[in-house]
Amino acid sequence: MSSRLDRYAEGLKGPSVLHAVLPELPVSINRLHRVGMHGKPVLSEDGKKYKADALDALKEAWLFNLSKFKRFRFAKYTLAIEVTLPRYGPGGLYAKGFPKTAKEPVQQRDASNFVKLIEDVVAKATGIDDRYNFTVIVSKKAAEEEGAERTEVWLELAEPISSVNRA
């Protein structure tokens, strides 16, 4: 484990943590919705397919651990997401032609654009509403080799909420 997120995740072992590797990259929020009737946003076909595939992958990865995972009705959770992108090319992290033909060394791939879809899929897989994700950590990195693109997800129980502080 080499990235900051990986070092953080090393401390997330045990029954209060779920971890899964999704073999696909999430659909960017920029392609997640299309305009439906009356101008309302509707989940795109790409979004529907990713959501279904990711949900199946999470359920399979968490089949045995989900029943042991410490879940509380009212609790704070930490969601960590690491997106491993292709190094170069369409959808890649780095611009291949920099500095001769590309203006920037890094392509426009905002890590935050992947968060909402992952939150929704994790919520559906675990039954834990994403409003309880008090900390969300998102990281992106380049794949070491071609075809190694993936998304890693960790969900940790941070602390139960025993009472609500009222001002």
C-alpha atoms as a PDB file:
ATOM      1  CA  MET A   1       0.000   0.000   0.000  1.00  0.00           C
ATOM      2  CA  SER A   2       1.543   3.233  -1.062  1.00  0.00           C
ATOM      3  CA  SER A   3      -0.954   6.079  -1.380  1.00  0.00           C
ATOM      4  CA  ARG A   4      -2.156   8.235   1.508  1.00  0.00           C
ATOM      5  CA  LEU A   5      -5.585   6.635   1.200  1.00  0.00           C
ATOM      6  CA  ASP A   6      -4.038   3.161   1.348  1.00  0.00           C
ATOM      7  CA  ARG A   7      -2.123   4.100   4.511  1.00  0.00           C
ATOM      8  CA  TYR A   8      -5.349   5.449   6.006  1.00  0.00           C
ATOM      9  CA  ALA A   9      -7.182   2.253   5.042  1.00  0.00           C
ATOM     10  CA  GLU A  10      -4.586   0.068   6.780  1.00  0.00           C
ATOM     11  CA  GLY A  11      -6.048   1.304  10.049  1.00  0.00           C
ATOM     12  CA  LEU A  12      -9.594   0.396   9.008  1.00  0.00           C
ATOM     13  CA  LYS A  13      -9.410  -3.367   9.528  1.00  0.00           C
ATOM     14  CA  GLY A  14     -11.860  -5.271  11.680  1.00  0.00           C
ATOM     15  CA  PRO A  15     -15.575  -5.825  12.008  1.00  0.00           C
ATOM     16  CA  SER A  16     -16.302  -2.098  11.794  1.00  0.00           C
ATOM     17  CA  VAL A  17     -14.935  -1.866   8.217  1.00  0.00           C
ATOM     18  CA  LEU A  18     -16.153  -3.083   4.845  1.00  0.00           C
ATOM     19  CA  HIS A  19     -13.793  -3.101   1.837  1.00  0.00           C
ATOM     20  CA  ALA A  20     -14.488  -3.940  -1.797  1.00  0.00           C
ATOM     21  CA  VAL A  21     -12.777  -3.613  -5.160  1.00  0.00           C
ATOM     22  CA  LEU A  22     -15.082  -2.741  -8.034  1.00  0.00           C
ATOM     23  CA  PRO A  23     -13.616  -3.724 -11.405  1.00  0.00           C
ATOM     24  CA  GLU A  24     -15.111  -0.707 -13.178  1.00  0.00           C
ATOM     25  CA  LEU A  25     -14.744   3.030 -12.967  1.00  0.00           C
ATOM     26  CA  PRO A  26     -17.808   4.950 -11.822  1.00  0.00           C
ATOM     27  CA  VAL A  27     -19.741   7.095 -14.259  1.00  0.00           C
ATOM     28  CA  SER A  28     -18.793  10.737 -13.792  1.00  0.00           C
ATOM     29  CA  ILE A  29     -21.520  12.958 -12.387  1.00  0.00           C
ATOM     30  CA  ASN A  30     -21.236  14.865 -15.679  1.00  0.00           C
ATOM     31  CA  ARG A  31     -22.684  11.806 -17.506  1.00  0.00           C
ATOM     32  CA  LEU A  32     -24.811  10.472 -14.669  1.00  0.00           C
ATOM     33  CA  HIS A  33     -28.095  12.178 -15.536  1.00  0.00           C
ATOM     34  CA  ARG A  34     -30.033  13.199 -18.585  1.00  0.00           C
ATOM     35  CA  VAL A  35     -32.919  15.629 -18.755  1.00  0.00           C
ATOM     36  CA  GLY A  36     -36.249  13.826 -18.569  1.00  0.00           C
ATOM     37  CA  MET A  37     -39.837  14.957 -18.839  1.00  0.00           C
ATOM     38  CA  HIS A  38     -40.605  18.413 -17.508  1.00  0.00           C
ATOM     39  CA  GLY A  39     -36.860  19.133 -17.230  1.00  0.00           C
ATOM     40  CA  LYS A  40     -36.295  16.768 -14.305  1.00  0.00           C
ATOM     41  CA  PRO A  41     -32.979  14.883 -14.159  1.00  0.00           C
ATOM     42  CA  VAL A  42     -33.208  11.151 -14.834  1.00  0.00           C
ATOM     43  CA  LEU A  43     -30.456   8.596 -14.272  1.00  0.00           C
ATOM     44  CA  SER A  44     -28.740   7.945 -17.620  1.00  0.00           C
ATOM     45  CA  GLU A  45     -28.436   4.465 -19.149  1.00  0.00           C
ATOM     46  CA  ASP A  46     -24.699   4.505 -18.297  1.00  0.00           C
ATOM     47  CA  GLY A  47     -25.589   5.445 -14.716  1.00  0.00           C
ATOM     48  CA  LYS A  48     -28.218   2.684 -14.431  1.00  0.00           C
ATOM     49  CA  LYS A  49     -25.816   0.060 -15.784  1.00  0.00           C
ATOM     50  CA  TYR A  50     -22.968   1.096 -13.484  1.00  0.00           C
ATOM     51  CA  LYS A  51     -25.261   1.267 -10.466  1.00  0.00           C
ATOM     52  CA  ALA A  52     -26.618  -2.256 -11.104  1.00  0.00           C
ATOM     53  CA  ASP A  53     -23.160  -3.747 -11.807  1.00  0.00           C
ATOM     54  CA  ALA A  54     -21.562  -2.027  -8.791  1.00  0.00           C
ATOM     55  CA  LEU A  55     -24.404  -3.100  -6.510  1.00  0.00           C
ATOM     56  CA  ASP A  56     -23.959  -6.732  -7.601  1.00  0.00           C
ATOM     57  CA  ALA A  57     -20.189  -6.486  -7.053  1.00  0.00           C
ATOM     58  CA  LEU A  58     -20.584  -4.958  -3.572  1.00  0.00           C
ATOM     59  CA  LYS A  59     -23.144  -7.551  -2.517  1.00  0.00           C
ATOM     60  CA  GLU A  60     -20.841 -10.339  -3.702  1.00  0.00           C
ATOM     61  CA  ALA A  61     -17.748  -8.818  -2.039  1.00  0.00           C
ATOM     62  CA  TRP A  62     -19.590  -8.147   1.218  1.00  0.00           C
ATOM     63  CA  LEU A  63     -21.693 -11.337   1.242  1.00  0.00           C
ATOM     64  CA  PHE A  64     -20.187 -12.714   4.447  1.00  0.00           C
ATOM     65  CA  ASN A  65     -18.879  -9.531   6.086  1.00  0.00           C
ATOM     66  CA  LEU A  66     -22.079  -7.513   5.860  1.00  0.00           C
ATOM     67  CA  SER A  67     -23.824  -9.652   8.465  1.00  0.00           C
ATOM     68  CA  LYS A  68     -20.877  -9.111  10.879  1.00  0.00           C
ATOM     69  CA  PHE A  69     -20.460  -5.403  10.100  1.00  0.00           C
ATOM     70  CA  LYS A  70     -21.275  -3.182  13.063  1.00  0.00           C
ATOM     71  CA  ARG A  71     -24.303  -1.203  11.955  1.00  0.00           C
ATOM     72  CA  PHE A  72     -26.185   1.262  14.070  1.00  0.00           C
ATOM     73  CA  ARG A  73     -29.361   3.037  13.119  1.00  0.00           C
ATOM     74  CA  PHE A  74     -27.807   6.357  14.109  1.00  0.00           C
ATOM     75  CA  ALA A  75     -24.053   6.472  13.595  1.00  0.00           C
ATOM     76  CA  LYS A  76     -21.325   8.423  11.863  1.00  0.00           C
ATOM     77  CA  TYR A  77     -19.556   6.582   9.042  1.00  0.00           C
ATOM     78  CA  THR A  78     -16.404   7.243   7.037  1.00  0.00           C
ATOM     79  CA  LEU A  79     -16.518   6.415   3.339  1.00  0.00           C
ATOM     80  CA  ALA A  80     -13.185   6.164   1.506  1.00  0.00           C
ATOM     81  CA  ILE A  81     -13.053   5.874  -2.284  1.00  0.00           C
ATOM     82  CA  GLU A  82      -9.950   5.361  -4.412  1.00  0.00           C
ATOM     83  CA  VAL A  83     -10.376   5.528  -8.174  1.00  0.00           C
ATOM     84  CA  THR A  84      -7.568   4.012 -10.256  1.00  0.00           C
ATOM     85  CA  LEU A  85      -7.703   5.580 -13.721  1.00  0.00           C
ATOM     86  CA  PRO A  86      -5.863   4.683 -16.920  1.00  0.00           C
ATOM     87  CA  ARG A  87      -2.477   6.427 -16.978  1.00  0.00           C
ATOM     88  CA  TYR A  88      -2.931   7.995 -20.463  1.00  0.00           C
ATOM     89  CA  GLY A  89      -5.512   8.181 -23.226  1.00  0.00           C
ATOM     90  CA  PRO A  90      -9.242   8.891 -23.166  1.00  0.00           C
ATOM     91  CA  GLY A  91     -10.348   9.045 -19.560  1.00  0.00           C
ATOM     92  CA  GLY A  92      -6.754   8.800 -18.413  1.00  0.00           C
ATOM     93  CA  LEU A  93      -5.175  10.703 -15.573  1.00  0.00           C
ATOM     94  CA  TYR A  94      -2.220  12.218 -17.435  1.00  0.00           C
ATOM     95  CA  ALA A  95      -2.068  14.093 -20.752  1.00  0.00           C
ATOM     96  CA  LYS A  96       0.176  12.124 -23.096  1.00  0.00           C
ATOM     97  CA  GLY A  97       1.225  15.110 -25.222  1.00  0.00           C
ATOM     98  CA  PHE A  98       2.345  17.438 -22.446  1.00  0.00           C
ATOM     99  CA  PRO A  99       4.060  19.869 -22.917  1.00  0.00           C
ATOM    100  CA  LYS A 100       4.084  19.797 -26.757  1.00  0.00           C
ATOM    101  CA  THR A 101       0.403  19.248 -27.605  1.00  0.00           C
ATOM    102  CA  ALA A 102      -1.370  19.372 -24.228  1.00  0.00           C
ATOM    103  CA  LYS A 103      -1.595  22.525 -22.115  1.00  0.00           C
ATOM    104  CA  GLU A 104      -1.765  20.732 -18.755  1.00  0.00           C
ATOM    105  CA  PRO A 105       0.056  17.610 -17.478  1.00  0.00           C
ATOM    106  CA  VAL A 106      -3.083  16.225 -15.803  1.00  0.00           C
ATOM    107  CA  GLN A 107      -6.376  15.682 -17.634  1.00  0.00           C
ATOM    108  CA  GLN A 108      -9.715  17.006 -16.357  1.00  0.00           C
ATOM    109  CA  ARG A 109     -10.745  14.014 -14.196  1.00  0.00           C
ATOM    110  CA  ASP A 110     -12.233  15.403 -10.985  1.00  0.00           C
ATOM    111  CA  ALA A 111     -12.233  12.730  -8.280  1.00  0.00           C
ATOM    112  CA  SER A 112     -15.220  14.372  -6.595  1.00  0.00           C
ATOM    113  CA  ASN A 113     -17.366  13.671  -9.681  1.00  0.00           C
ATOM    114  CA  PHE A 114     -17.433   9.976  -8.723  1.00  0.00           C
ATOM    115  CA  VAL A 115     -18.608  10.364  -5.122  1.00  0.00           C
ATOM    116  CA  LYS A 116     -22.418  10.591  -5.345  1.00  0.00           C
ATOM    117  CA  LEU A 117     -22.904   7.448  -7.414  1.00  0.00           C
ATOM    118  CA  ILE A 118     -20.625   5.428  -5.109  1.00  0.00           C
ATOM    119  CA  GLU A 119     -22.447   6.802  -2.036  1.00  0.00           C
ATOM    120  CA  ASP A 120     -25.784   5.731  -3.514  1.00  0.00           C
ATOM    121  CA  VAL A 121     -24.559   2.224  -4.357  1.00  0.00           C
ATOM    122  CA  VAL A 122     -22.975   1.717  -0.916  1.00  0.00           C
ATOM    123  CA  ALA A 123     -26.181   2.942   0.752  1.00  0.00           C
ATOM    124  CA  LYS A 124     -28.269   0.494  -1.254  1.00  0.00           C
ATOM    125  CA  ALA A 125     -25.889  -2.419  -0.559  1.00  0.00           C
ATOM    126  CA  THR A 126     -25.665  -1.789   3.195  1.00  0.00           C
ATOM    127  CA  GLY A 127     -29.018  -0.228   4.012  1.00  0.00           C
ATOM    128  CA  ILE A 128     -27.165   2.702   5.624  1.00  0.00           C
ATOM    129  CA  ASP A 129     -28.426   6.060   4.362  1.00  0.00           C
ATOM    130  CA  ASP A 130     -25.608   8.177   2.929  1.00  0.00           C
ATOM    131  CA  ARG A 131     -26.638  11.109   5.144  1.00  0.00           C
ATOM    132  CA  TYR A 132     -24.612   9.303   7.834  1.00  0.00           C
ATOM    133  CA  ASN A 133     -21.346   9.542   5.839  1.00  0.00           C
ATOM    134  CA  PHE A 134     -19.850  12.270   8.015  1.00  0.00           C
ATOM    135  CA  THR A 135     -16.389  11.895   6.452  1.00  0.00           C
ATOM    136  CA  VAL A 136     -15.828  11.148   2.771  1.00  0.00           C
ATOM    137  CA  ILE A 137     -12.295  10.661   1.477  1.00  0.00           C
ATOM    138  CA  VAL A 138     -11.760  10.447  -2.265  1.00  0.00           C
ATOM    139  CA  SER A 139      -8.487   9.810  -4.060  1.00  0.00           C
ATOM    140  CA  LYS A 140      -7.424   9.166  -7.634  1.00  0.00           C
ATOM    141  CA  LYS A 141      -4.291   7.564  -9.000  1.00  0.00           C
ATOM    142  CA  ALA A 142      -2.935   6.196 -12.257  1.00  0.00           C
ATOM    143  CA  ALA A 143      -3.037   2.472 -12.938  1.00  0.00           C
ATOM    144  CA  GLU A 144       0.379   0.795 -12.877  1.00  0.00           C
ATOM    145  CA  GLU A 145      -0.490  -1.249 -15.956  1.00  0.00           C
ATOM    146  CA  GLU A 146      -3.081  -1.173 -18.714  1.00  0.00           C
ATOM    147  CA  GLY A 147      -6.401  -2.761 -17.741  1.00  0.00           C
ATOM    148  CA  ALA A 148      -5.858  -2.297 -13.985  1.00  0.00           C
ATOM    149  CA  GLU A 149      -8.518   0.419 -13.665  1.00  0.00           C
ATOM    150  CA  ARG A 150     -10.790  -0.073 -10.672  1.00  0.00           C
ATOM    151  CA  THR A 151     -12.565   1.563  -7.779  1.00  0.00           C
ATOM    152  CA  GLU A 152     -11.839   0.622  -4.169  1.00  0.00           C
ATOM    153  CA  VAL A 153     -14.373   1.392  -1.473  1.00  0.00           C
ATOM    154  CA  TRP A 154     -14.065   1.308   2.322  1.00  0.00           C
ATOM    155  CA  LEU A 155     -16.925   1.977   4.738  1.00  0.00           C
ATOM    156  CA  GLU A 156     -16.032   2.368   8.403  1.00  0.00           C
ATOM    157  CA  LEU A 157     -18.202   2.808  11.455  1.00  0.00           C
ATOM    158  CA  ALA A 158     -16.709   5.951  12.999  1.00  0.00           C
ATOM    159  CA  GLU A 159     -18.924   6.292  16.075  1.00  0.00           C
ATOM    160  CA  PRO A 160     -22.505   5.695  17.148  1.00  0.00           C
ATOM    161  CA  ILE A 161     -24.602   8.805  17.669  1.00  0.00           C
ATOM    162  CA  SER A 162     -25.952   8.439  21.194  1.00  0.00           C
ATOM    163  CA  SER A 163     -27.654  11.790  21.463  1.00  0.00           C
ATOM    164  CA  VAL A 164     -28.254  14.885  19.439  1.00  0.00           C
ATOM    165  CA  ASN A 165     -26.641  18.092  20.643  1.00  0.00           C
ATOM    166  CA  ARG A 166     -29.140  20.905  20.573  1.00  0.00           C
ATOM    167  CA  ALA A 167     -28.053  24.525  20.722  1.00  0.00           C
END
